Amino acid sequence: MVYYIQAKDGGRIKIGYAEFPASRLKRLQMGSPVELILIAVQEGNHLTEKMIHNEFRHSRAHFEWFENTDELADYIKSNAILVADLNQEKVLKLEKRADNGRIIY
């Protein structure tokens, strides 16, 4: 599953792939001085992640971190489901269900 993680106060967005995005968030949080949130998830695999990285290469800040541009925000809203306001239980359910490339709950 492709995930989008951002510092709670905004800023750059990490685009990555993990089988369990909520678990990945926990691992990233341990090494981060700021609070991170899982803002969206999208059905996909490593190839999906690479395609998205390539599409937004002009906005790449550092490795898997990208500038928070209007273009990227529009892409996320159109292709993923926003999960920042969902509780942990619903995020875990999202990791297990998909329909037509979009996550459902």
PDB file of N, CA and C in Angstrom:
ATOM      1  N   MET A   1       0.844  -1.163   0.000  1.00  0.00           N
ATOM      2  CA  MET A   1       0.000   0.000   0.000  1.00  0.00           C
ATOM      3  C   MET A   1       0.899   1.240   0.000  1.00  0.00           C
ATOM      4  N   VAL A   2       0.563   2.206  -0.823  1.00  0.00           N
ATOM      5  CA  VAL A   2       1.298   3.469  -0.843  1.00  0.00           C
ATOM      6  C   VAL A   2       0.733   4.346   0.271  1.00  0.00           C
ATOM      7  N   TYR A   3       1.628   5.004   0.993  1.00  0.00           N
ATOM      8  CA  TYR A   3       1.178   5.872   2.082  1.00  0.00           C
ATOM      9  C   TYR A   3       1.748   7.272   1.896  1.00  0.00           C
ATOM     10  N   TYR A   4       1.066   8.228   2.499  1.00  0.00           N
ATOM     11  CA  TYR A   4       1.483   9.627   2.497  1.00  0.00           C
ATOM     12  C   TYR A   4       1.538  10.060   3.954  1.00  0.00           C
ATOM     13  N   ILE A   5       2.721  10.448   4.404  1.00  0.00           N
ATOM     14  CA  ILE A   5       2.933  10.859   5.794  1.00  0.00           C
ATOM     15  C   ILE A   5       3.460  12.289   5.796  1.00  0.00           C
ATOM     16  N   GLN A   6       3.000  13.070   6.759  1.00  0.00           N
ATOM     17  CA  GLN A   6       3.393  14.475   6.848  1.00  0.00           C
ATOM     18  C   GLN A   6       3.542  14.863   8.315  1.00  0.00           C
ATOM     19  N   ALA A   7       4.393  15.854   8.568  1.00  0.00           N
ATOM     20  CA  ALA A   7       4.471  16.403   9.917  1.00  0.00           C
ATOM     21  C   ALA A   7       3.112  17.014  10.252  1.00  0.00           C
ATOM     22  N   LYS A   8       2.693  16.883  11.493  1.00  0.00           N
ATOM     23  CA  LYS A   8       1.367  17.357  11.894  1.00  0.00           C
ATOM     24  C   LYS A   8       1.162  18.833  11.581  1.00  0.00           C
ATOM     25  N   ASP A   9       2.232  19.618  11.642  1.00  0.00           N
ATOM     26  CA  ASP A   9       2.110  21.051  11.380  1.00  0.00           C
ATOM     27  C   ASP A   9       2.232  21.396   9.898  1.00  0.00           C
ATOM     28  N   GLY A  10       2.213  20.405   9.025  1.00  0.00           N
ATOM     29  CA  GLY A  10       2.281  20.643   7.583  1.00  0.00           C
ATOM     30  C   GLY A  10       3.696  20.480   7.061  1.00  0.00           C
ATOM     31  N   GLY A  11       3.916  20.904   5.860  1.00  0.00           N
ATOM     32  CA  GLY A  11       5.241  20.808   5.265  1.00  0.00           C
ATOM     33  C   GLY A  11       5.361  19.631   4.317  1.00  0.00           C
ATOM     34  N   ARG A  12       6.565  19.133   4.192  1.00  0.00           N
ATOM     35  CA  ARG A  12       6.857  18.075   3.229  1.00  0.00           C
ATOM     36  C   ARG A  12       6.067  16.801   3.491  1.00  0.00           C
ATOM     37  N   ILE A  13       5.887  16.039   2.408  1.00  0.00           N
ATOM     38  CA  ILE A  13       5.109  14.801   2.463  1.00  0.00           C
ATOM     39  C   ILE A  13       5.990  13.638   2.054  1.00  0.00           C
ATOM     40  N   LYS A  14       5.977  12.588   2.850  1.00  0.00           N
ATOM     41  CA  LYS A  14       6.716  11.368   2.524  1.00  0.00           C
ATOM     42  C   LYS A  14       5.785  10.442   1.762  1.00  0.00           C
ATOM     43  N   ILE A  15       6.241  10.010   0.596  1.00  0.00           N
ATOM     44  CA  ILE A  15       5.494   9.047  -0.204  1.00  0.00           C
ATOM     45  C   ILE A  15       6.266   7.744  -0.148  1.00  0.00           C
ATOM     46  N   GLY A  16       5.657   6.721   0.416  1.00  0.00           N
ATOM     47  CA  GLY A  16       6.346   5.452   0.569  1.00  0.00           C
ATOM     48  C   GLY A  16       5.425   4.275   0.326  1.00  0.00           C
ATOM     49  N   TYR A  17       5.987   3.089   0.466  1.00  0.00           N
ATOM     50  CA  TYR A  17       5.224   1.853   0.323  1.00  0.00           C
ATOM     51  C   TYR A  17       5.460   1.003   1.562  1.00  0.00           C
ATOM     52  N   ALA A  18       4.392   0.433   2.077  1.00  0.00           N
ATOM     53  CA  ALA A  18       4.495  -0.501   3.203  1.00  0.00           C
ATOM     54  C   ALA A  18       3.258  -1.379   3.208  1.00  0.00           C
ATOM     55  N   GLU A  19       3.434  -2.610   3.614  1.00  0.00           N
ATOM     56  CA  GLU A  19       2.287  -3.509   3.733  1.00  0.00           C
ATOM     57  C   GLU A  19       1.338  -3.006   4.815  1.00  0.00           C
ATOM     58  N   PHE A  20       1.923  -2.423   5.873  1.00  0.00           N
ATOM     59  CA  PHE A  20       1.136  -1.914   6.989  1.00  0.00           C
ATOM     60  C   PHE A  20       1.556  -0.470   7.280  1.00  0.00           C
ATOM     61  N   PRO A  21       0.914   0.515   6.631  1.00  0.00           N
ATOM     62  CA  PRO A  21       1.302   1.916   6.805  1.00  0.00           C
ATOM     63  C   PRO A  21       1.254   2.414   8.248  1.00  0.00           C
ATOM     64  N   ALA A  22       0.295   1.959   9.035  1.00  0.00           N
ATOM     65  CA  ALA A  22       0.220   2.414  10.431  1.00  0.00           C
ATOM     66  C   ALA A  22       1.454   1.976  11.210  1.00  0.00           C
ATOM     67  N   SER A  23       1.936   0.779  10.940  1.00  0.00           N
ATOM     68  CA  SER A  23       3.163   0.300  11.591  1.00  0.00           C
ATOM     69  C   SER A  23       4.370   1.088  11.110  1.00  0.00           C
ATOM     70  N   ARG A  24       4.391   1.404   9.822  1.00  0.00           N
ATOM     71  CA  ARG A  24       5.495   2.194   9.266  1.00  0.00           C
ATOM     72  C   ARG A  24       5.526   3.570   9.921  1.00  0.00           C
ATOM     73  N   LEU A  25       4.364   4.169  10.115  1.00  0.00           N
ATOM     74  CA  LEU A  25       4.280   5.468  10.775  1.00  0.00           C
ATOM     75  C   LEU A  25       4.896   5.402  12.167  1.00  0.00           C
ATOM     76  N   LYS A  26       4.594   4.357  12.907  1.00  0.00           N
ATOM     77  CA  LYS A  26       5.147   4.216  14.258  1.00  0.00           C
ATOM     78  C   LYS A  26       6.669   4.160  14.225  1.00  0.00           C
ATOM     79  N   ARG A  27       7.230   3.425  13.259  1.00  0.00           N
ATOM     80  CA  ARG A  27       8.696   3.332  13.160  1.00  0.00           C
ATOM     81  C   ARG A  27       9.310   4.675  12.772  1.00  0.00           C
ATOM     82  N   LEU A  28       8.686   5.376  11.844  1.00  0.00           N
ATOM     83  CA  LEU A  28       9.197   6.690  11.455  1.00  0.00           C
ATOM     84  C   LEU A  28       9.108   7.673  12.617  1.00  0.00           C
ATOM     85  N   GLN A  29       8.040   7.575  13.388  1.00  0.00           N
ATOM     86  CA  GLN A  29       7.839   8.502  14.498  1.00  0.00           C
ATOM     87  C   GLN A  29       8.941   8.385  15.541  1.00  0.00           C
ATOM     88  N   MET A  30       9.439   7.174  15.743  1.00  0.00           N
ATOM     89  CA  MET A  30      10.495   6.980  16.743  1.00  0.00           C
ATOM     90  C   MET A  30      11.736   7.804  16.421  1.00  0.00           C
ATOM     91  N   GLY A  31      12.014   8.037  15.151  1.00  0.00           N
ATOM     92  CA  GLY A  31      13.209   8.778  14.774  1.00  0.00           C
ATOM     93  C   GLY A  31      12.944  10.224  14.397  1.00  0.00           C
ATOM     94  N   SER A  32      11.730  10.689  14.615  1.00  0.00           N
ATOM     95  CA  SER A  32      11.377  12.045  14.202  1.00  0.00           C
ATOM     96  C   SER A  32      11.217  12.974  15.404  1.00  0.00           C
ATOM     97  N   PRO A  33      11.775  14.177  15.319  1.00  0.00           N
ATOM     98  CA  PRO A  33      11.610  15.136  16.412  1.00  0.00           C
ATOM     99  C   PRO A  33      10.249  15.828  16.392  1.00  0.00           C
ATOM    100  N   VAL A  34       9.495  15.662  15.299  1.00  0.00           N
ATOM    101  CA  VAL A  34       8.168  16.275  15.194  1.00  0.00           C
ATOM    102  C   VAL A  34       7.114  15.182  15.066  1.00  0.00           C
ATOM    103  N   GLU A  35       5.890  15.501  15.449  1.00  0.00           N
ATOM    104  CA  GLU A  35       4.811  14.525  15.335  1.00  0.00           C
ATOM    105  C   GLU A  35       4.442  14.332  13.868  1.00  0.00           C
ATOM    106  N   LEU A  36       4.360  13.075  13.452  1.00  0.00           N
ATOM    107  CA  LEU A  36       3.997  12.731  12.080  1.00  0.00           C
ATOM    108  C   LEU A  36       2.590  12.164  12.057  1.00  0.00           C
ATOM    109  N   ILE A  37       1.894  12.375  10.938  1.00  0.00           N
ATOM    110  CA  ILE A  37       0.561  11.803  10.781  1.00  0.00           C
ATOM    111  C   ILE A  37       0.461  11.111   9.426  1.00  0.00           C
ATOM    112  N   LEU A  38      -0.301  10.056   9.403  1.00  0.00           N
ATOM    113  CA  LEU A  38      -0.618   9.362   8.163  1.00  0.00           C
ATOM    114  C   LEU A  38      -1.776  10.125   7.548  1.00  0.00           C
ATOM    115  N   ILE A  39      -1.534  10.804   6.418  1.00  0.00           N
ATOM    116  CA  ILE A  39      -2.594  11.638   5.845  1.00  0.00           C
ATOM    117  C   ILE A  39      -3.439  10.910   4.814  1.00  0.00           C
ATOM    118  N   ALA A  40      -2.866   9.889   4.164  1.00  0.00           N
ATOM    119  CA  ALA A  40      -3.636   9.171   3.144  1.00  0.00           C
ATOM    120  C   ALA A  40      -2.964   7.849   2.815  1.00  0.00           C
ATOM    121  N   VAL A  41      -3.762   6.932   2.283  1.00  0.00           N
ATOM    122  CA  VAL A  41      -3.238   5.665   1.774  1.00  0.00           C
ATOM    123  C   VAL A  41      -3.871   5.400   0.418  1.00  0.00           C
ATOM    124  N   GLN A  42      -3.164   4.630  -0.388  1.00  0.00           N
ATOM    125  CA  GLN A  42      -3.610   4.321  -1.742  1.00  0.00           C
ATOM    126  C   GLN A  42      -3.220   2.888  -2.064  1.00  0.00           C
ATOM    127  N   GLU A  43      -4.132   2.142  -2.647  1.00  0.00           N
ATOM    128  CA  GLU A  43      -3.814   0.778  -3.048  1.00  0.00           C
ATOM    129  C   GLU A  43      -2.680   0.824  -4.067  1.00  0.00           C
ATOM    130  N   GLY A  44      -1.724  -0.067  -3.911  1.00  0.00           N
ATOM    131  CA  GLY A  44      -0.614  -0.116  -4.849  1.00  0.00           C
ATOM    132  C   GLY A  44       0.543  -0.900  -4.287  1.00  0.00           C
ATOM    133  N   ASN A  45       1.618  -0.955  -5.068  1.00  0.00           N
ATOM    134  CA  ASN A  45       2.810  -1.703  -4.690  1.00  0.00           C
ATOM    135  C   ASN A  45       4.041  -0.832  -4.913  1.00  0.00           C
ATOM    136  N   HIS A  46       5.222  -1.465  -4.914  1.00  0.00           N
ATOM    137  CA  HIS A  46       6.463  -0.712  -5.110  1.00  0.00           C
ATOM    138  C   HIS A  46       6.476   0.004  -6.461  1.00  0.00           C
ATOM    139  N   LEU A  47       5.899  -0.614  -7.479  1.00  0.00           N
ATOM    140  CA  LEU A  47       5.862   0.023  -8.800  1.00  0.00           C
ATOM    141  C   LEU A  47       4.972   1.261  -8.790  1.00  0.00           C
ATOM    142  N   THR A  48       3.866   1.195  -8.064  1.00  0.00           N
ATOM    143  CA  THR A  48       2.988   2.356  -7.916  1.00  0.00           C
ATOM    144  C   THR A  48       3.746   3.491  -7.236  1.00  0.00           C
ATOM    145  N   GLU A  49       4.455   3.150  -6.176  1.00  0.00           N
ATOM    146  CA  GLU A  49       5.250   4.143  -5.448  1.00  0.00           C
ATOM    147  C   GLU A  49       6.264   4.793  -6.381  1.00  0.00           C
ATOM    148  N   LYS A  50       6.979   3.992  -7.163  1.00  0.00           N
ATOM    149  CA  LYS A  50       7.986   4.534  -8.081  1.00  0.00           C
ATOM    150  C   LYS A  50       7.350   5.433  -9.133  1.00  0.00           C
ATOM    151  N   MET A  51       6.174   5.059  -9.638  1.00  0.00           N
ATOM    152  CA  MET A  51       5.483   5.877 -10.616  1.00  0.00           C
ATOM    153  C   MET A  51       5.130   7.252 -10.031  1.00  0.00           C
ATOM    154  N   ILE A  52       4.652   7.249  -8.793  1.00  0.00           N
ATOM    155  CA  ILE A  52       4.297   8.513  -8.136  1.00  0.00           C
ATOM    156  C   ILE A  52       5.554   9.341  -7.891  1.00  0.00           C
ATOM    157  N   HIS A  53       6.619   8.698  -7.416  1.00  0.00           N
ATOM    158  CA  HIS A  53       7.888   9.411  -7.227  1.00  0.00           C
ATOM    159  C   HIS A  53       8.327  10.050  -8.535  1.00  0.00           C
ATOM    160  N   ASN A  54       8.226   9.320  -9.629  1.00  0.00           N
ATOM    161  CA  ASN A  54       8.644   9.844 -10.928  1.00  0.00           C
ATOM    162  C   ASN A  54       7.757  11.010 -11.364  1.00  0.00           C
ATOM    163  N   GLU A  55       6.461  10.877 -11.147  1.00  0.00           N
ATOM    164  CA  GLU A  55       5.528  11.929 -11.543  1.00  0.00           C
ATOM    165  C   GLU A  55       5.807  13.239 -10.809  1.00  0.00           C
ATOM    166  N   PHE A  56       6.261  13.141  -9.568  1.00  0.00           N
ATOM    167  CA  PHE A  56       6.501  14.341  -8.762  1.00  0.00           C
ATOM    168  C   PHE A  56       7.991  14.597  -8.520  1.00  0.00           C
ATOM    169  N   ARG A  57       8.838  14.069  -9.384  1.00  0.00           N
ATOM    170  CA  ARG A  57      10.293  14.218  -9.221  1.00  0.00           C
ATOM    171  C   ARG A  57      10.717  15.684  -9.158  1.00  0.00           C
ATOM    172  N   HIS A  58       9.988  16.558  -9.827  1.00  0.00           N
ATOM    173  CA  HIS A  58      10.315  17.985  -9.796  1.00  0.00           C
ATOM    174  C   HIS A  58      10.055  18.605  -8.419  1.00  0.00           C
ATOM    175  N   SER A  59       9.305  17.906  -7.571  1.00  0.00           N
ATOM    176  CA  SER A  59       9.000  18.398  -6.220  1.00  0.00           C
ATOM    177  C   SER A  59       9.754  17.642  -5.138  1.00  0.00           C
ATOM    178  N   ARG A  60      10.655  16.740  -5.543  1.00  0.00           N
ATOM    179  CA  ARG A  60      11.390  15.939  -4.560  1.00  0.00           C
ATOM    180  C   ARG A  60      12.301  16.846  -3.733  1.00  0.00           C
ATOM    181  N   ALA A  61      12.207  16.695  -2.408  1.00  0.00           N
ATOM    182  CA  ALA A  61      13.060  17.460  -1.500  1.00  0.00           C
ATOM    183  C   ALA A  61      14.251  16.619  -1.050  1.00  0.00           C
ATOM    184  N   HIS A  62      13.982  15.368  -0.666  1.00  0.00           N
ATOM    185  CA  HIS A  62      15.039  14.499  -0.144  1.00  0.00           C
ATOM    186  C   HIS A  62      14.517  13.066  -0.131  1.00  0.00           C
ATOM    187  N   PHE A  63      15.125  12.197  -0.931  1.00  0.00           N
ATOM    188  CA  PHE A  63      14.727  10.791  -1.020  1.00  0.00           C
ATOM    189  C   PHE A  63      13.219  10.659  -1.246  1.00  0.00           C
ATOM    190  N   GLU A  64      12.475  10.168  -0.254  1.00  0.00           N
ATOM    191  CA  GLU A  64      11.034   9.953  -0.416  1.00  0.00           C
ATOM    192  C   GLU A  64      10.197  11.122   0.096  1.00  0.00           C
ATOM    193  N   TRP A  65      10.834  12.236   0.407  1.00  0.00           N
ATOM    194  CA  TRP A  65      10.122  13.413   0.902  1.00  0.00           C
ATOM    195  C   TRP A  65       9.944  14.414  -0.232  1.00  0.00           C
ATOM    196  N   PHE A  66       8.709  14.931  -0.358  1.00  0.00           N
ATOM    197  CA  PHE A  66       8.350  15.826  -1.448  1.00  0.00           C
ATOM    198  C   PHE A  66       7.751  17.113  -0.892  1.00  0.00           C
ATOM    199  N   GLU A  67       7.972  18.212  -1.633  1.00  0.00           N
ATOM    200  CA  GLU A  67       7.372  19.483  -1.236  1.00  0.00           C
ATOM    201  C   GLU A  67       5.853  19.349  -1.303  1.00  0.00           C
ATOM    202  N   ASN A  68       5.183  20.012  -0.405  1.00  0.00           N
ATOM    203  CA  ASN A  68       3.722  19.970  -0.337  1.00  0.00           C
ATOM    204  C   ASN A  68       3.146  20.977  -1.332  1.00  0.00           C
ATOM    205  N   THR A  69       3.103  20.590  -2.596  1.00  0.00           N
ATOM    206  CA  THR A  69       2.604  21.475  -3.648  1.00  0.00           C
ATOM    207  C   THR A  69       1.104  21.269  -3.852  1.00  0.00           C
ATOM    208  N   ASP A  70       0.465  22.239  -4.497  1.00  0.00           N
ATOM    209  CA  ASP A  70      -0.950  22.088  -4.835  1.00  0.00           C
ATOM    210  C   ASP A  70      -1.156  20.881  -5.740  1.00  0.00           C
ATOM    211  N   GLU A  71      -0.226  20.661  -6.658  1.00  0.00           N
ATOM    212  CA  GLU A  71      -0.312  19.534  -7.587  1.00  0.00           C
ATOM    213  C   GLU A  71      -0.305  18.195  -6.832  1.00  0.00           C
ATOM    214  N   LEU A  72       0.593  18.062  -5.859  1.00  0.00           N
ATOM    215  CA  LEU A  72       0.655  16.829  -5.078  1.00  0.00           C
ATOM    216  C   LEU A  72      -0.602  16.678  -4.219  1.00  0.00           C
ATOM    217  N   ALA A  73      -1.045  17.758  -3.608  1.00  0.00           N
ATOM    218  CA  ALA A  73      -2.260  17.704  -2.785  1.00  0.00           C
ATOM    219  C   ALA A  73      -3.465  17.272  -3.623  1.00  0.00           C
ATOM    220  N   ASP A  74      -3.579  17.802  -4.839  1.00  0.00           N
ATOM    221  CA  ASP A  74      -4.680  17.415  -5.726  1.00  0.00           C
ATOM    222  C   ASP A  74      -4.588  15.943  -6.104  1.00  0.00           C
ATOM    223  N   TYR A  75      -3.365  15.462  -6.355  1.00  0.00           N
ATOM    224  CA  TYR A  75      -3.172  14.054  -6.697  1.00  0.00           C
ATOM    225  C   TYR A  75      -3.630  13.158  -5.545  1.00  0.00           C
ATOM    226  N   ILE A  76      -3.211  13.512  -4.340  1.00  0.00           N
ATOM    227  CA  ILE A  76      -3.578  12.708  -3.171  1.00  0.00           C
ATOM    228  C   ILE A  76      -5.092  12.692  -2.996  1.00  0.00           C
ATOM    229  N   LYS A  77      -5.734  13.844  -3.108  1.00  0.00           N
ATOM    230  CA  LYS A  77      -7.189  13.915  -2.935  1.00  0.00           C
ATOM    231  C   LYS A  77      -7.930  13.104  -3.992  1.00  0.00           C
ATOM    232  N   SER A  78      -7.365  13.020  -5.197  1.00  0.00           N
ATOM    233  CA  SER A  78      -8.019  12.313  -6.302  1.00  0.00           C
ATOM    234  C   SER A  78      -7.745  10.815  -6.325  1.00  0.00           C
ATOM    235  N   ASN A  79      -6.624  10.380  -5.759  1.00  0.00           N
ATOM    236  CA  ASN A  79      -6.185   8.995  -5.924  1.00  0.00           C
ATOM    237  C   ASN A  79      -6.054   8.197  -4.639  1.00  0.00           C
ATOM    238  N   ALA A  80      -6.227   8.826  -3.520  1.00  0.00           N
ATOM    239  CA  ALA A  80      -6.055   8.136  -2.237  1.00  0.00           C
ATOM    240  C   ALA A  80      -7.202   8.538  -1.320  1.00  0.00           C
ATOM    241  N   ILE A  81      -7.293   7.855  -0.211  1.00  0.00           N
ATOM    242  CA  ILE A  81      -8.282   8.243   0.784  1.00  0.00           C
ATOM    243  C   ILE A  81      -7.554   8.907   1.943  1.00  0.00           C
ATOM    244  N   LEU A  82      -8.069  10.048   2.352  1.00  0.00           N
ATOM    245  CA  LEU A  82      -7.475  10.776   3.468  1.00  0.00           C
ATOM    246  C   LEU A  82      -7.824  10.050   4.755  1.00  0.00           C
ATOM    247  N   VAL A  83      -6.824   9.834   5.594  1.00  0.00           N
ATOM    248  CA  VAL A  83      -7.054   9.070   6.824  1.00  0.00           C
ATOM    249  C   VAL A  83      -6.623   9.825   8.076  1.00  0.00           C
ATOM    250  N   ALA A  84      -6.189  11.043   7.936  1.00  0.00           N
ATOM    251  CA  ALA A  84      -5.659  11.775   9.087  1.00  0.00           C
ATOM    252  C   ALA A  84      -6.672  11.919  10.212  1.00  0.00           C
ATOM    253  N   ASP A  85      -7.947  11.966   9.878  1.00  0.00           N
ATOM    254  CA  ASP A  85      -8.966  12.147  10.907  1.00  0.00           C
ATOM    255  C   ASP A  85      -9.573  10.841  11.402  1.00  0.00           C
ATOM    256  N   LEU A  86      -9.139   9.716  10.831  1.00  0.00           N
ATOM    257  CA  LEU A  86      -9.662   8.423  11.262  1.00  0.00           C
ATOM    258  C   LEU A  86      -8.917   7.933  12.489  1.00  0.00           C
ATOM    259  N   ASN A  87      -9.588   7.134  13.302  1.00  0.00           N
ATOM    260  CA  ASN A  87      -8.891   6.568  14.451  1.00  0.00           C
ATOM    261  C   ASN A  87      -8.051   5.374  14.016  1.00  0.00           C
ATOM    262  N   GLN A  88      -7.188   4.922  14.880  1.00  0.00           N
ATOM    263  CA  GLN A  88      -6.245   3.841  14.565  1.00  0.00           C
ATOM    264  C   GLN A  88      -6.961   2.574  14.109  1.00  0.00           C
ATOM    265  N   GLU A  89      -8.089   2.258  14.711  1.00  0.00           N
ATOM    266  CA  GLU A  89      -8.822   1.045  14.344  1.00  0.00           C
ATOM    267  C   GLU A  89      -9.250   1.089  12.875  1.00  0.00           C
ATOM    268  N   LYS A  90      -9.742   2.233  12.430  1.00  0.00           N
ATOM    269  CA  LYS A  90     -10.153   2.357  11.033  1.00  0.00           C
ATOM    270  C   LYS A  90      -8.959   2.320  10.094  1.00  0.00           C
ATOM    271  N   VAL A  91      -7.835   2.882  10.497  1.00  0.00           N
ATOM    272  CA  VAL A  91      -6.632   2.826   9.666  1.00  0.00           C
ATOM    273  C   VAL A  91      -6.218   1.377   9.464  1.00  0.00           C
ATOM    274  N   LEU A  92      -6.263   0.579  10.510  1.00  0.00           N
ATOM    275  CA  LEU A  92      -5.900  -0.834  10.387  1.00  0.00           C
ATOM    276  C   LEU A  92      -6.854  -1.565   9.453  1.00  0.00           C
ATOM    277  N   LYS A  93      -8.137  -1.220   9.488  1.00  0.00           N
ATOM    278  CA  LYS A  93      -9.091  -1.823   8.564  1.00  0.00           C
ATOM    279  C   LYS A  93      -8.772  -1.417   7.129  1.00  0.00           C
ATOM    280  N   LEU A  94      -8.362  -0.180   6.932  1.00  0.00           N
ATOM    281  CA  LEU A  94      -8.017   0.299   5.595  1.00  0.00           C
ATOM    282  C   LEU A  94      -6.875  -0.503   4.997  1.00  0.00           C
ATOM    283  N   GLU A  95      -5.973  -0.954   5.831  1.00  0.00           N
ATOM    284  CA  GLU A  95      -4.829  -1.706   5.343  1.00  0.00           C
ATOM    285  C   GLU A  95      -5.244  -3.056   4.770  1.00  0.00           C
ATOM    286  N   LYS A  96      -6.425  -3.506   5.102  1.00  0.00           N
ATOM    287  CA  LYS A  96      -6.835  -4.856   4.726  1.00  0.00           C
ATOM    288  C   LYS A  96      -7.881  -4.900   3.621  1.00  0.00           C
ATOM    289  N   ARG A  97      -8.430  -3.753   3.203  1.00  0.00           N
ATOM    290  CA  ARG A  97      -9.507  -3.760   2.228  1.00  0.00           C
ATOM    291  C   ARG A  97      -9.234  -2.780   1.105  1.00  0.00           C
ATOM    292  N   ALA A  98      -9.612  -3.161  -0.114  1.00  0.00           N
ATOM    293  CA  ALA A  98      -9.452  -2.267  -1.263  1.00  0.00           C
ATOM    294  C   ALA A  98     -10.518  -2.576  -2.312  1.00  0.00           C
ATOM    295  N   ASP A  99     -10.820  -1.579  -3.141  1.00  0.00           N
ATOM    296  CA  ASP A  99     -11.775  -1.754  -4.221  1.00  0.00           C
ATOM    297  C   ASP A  99     -11.404  -0.809  -5.350  1.00  0.00           C
ATOM    298  N   ASN A 100     -11.118  -1.349  -6.530  1.00  0.00           N
ATOM    299  CA  ASN A 100     -10.782  -0.537  -7.698  1.00  0.00           C
ATOM    300  C   ASN A 100      -9.621   0.415  -7.454  1.00  0.00           C
ATOM    301  N   GLY A 101      -8.637  -0.007  -6.723  1.00  0.00           N
ATOM    302  CA  GLY A 101      -7.468   0.834  -6.511  1.00  0.00           C
ATOM    303  C   GLY A 101      -7.652   1.913  -5.471  1.00  0.00           C
ATOM    304  N   ARG A 102      -8.860   2.054  -4.933  1.00  0.00           N
ATOM    305  CA  ARG A 102      -9.098   3.039  -3.874  1.00  0.00           C
ATOM    306  C   ARG A 102      -9.412   2.278  -2.601  1.00  0.00           C
ATOM    307  N   ILE A 103      -8.950   2.781  -1.511  1.00  0.00           N
ATOM    308  CA  ILE A 103      -9.183   2.129  -0.230  1.00  0.00           C
ATOM    309  C   ILE A 103     -10.608   2.431   0.224  1.00  0.00           C
ATOM    310  N   ILE A 104     -11.264   1.429   0.803  1.00  0.00           N
ATOM    311  CA  ILE A 104     -12.616   1.626   1.310  1.00  0.00           C
ATOM    312  C   ILE A 104     -12.684   1.218   2.774  1.00  0.00           C
ATOM    313  N   TYR A 105     -13.684   1.676   3.478  1.00  0.00           N
ATOM    314  CA  TYR A 105     -13.908   1.250   4.862  1.00  0.00           C
ATOM    315  C   TYR A 105     -15.380   1.193   5.162  1.00  0.00           C
TER     316      TYR A 105
END
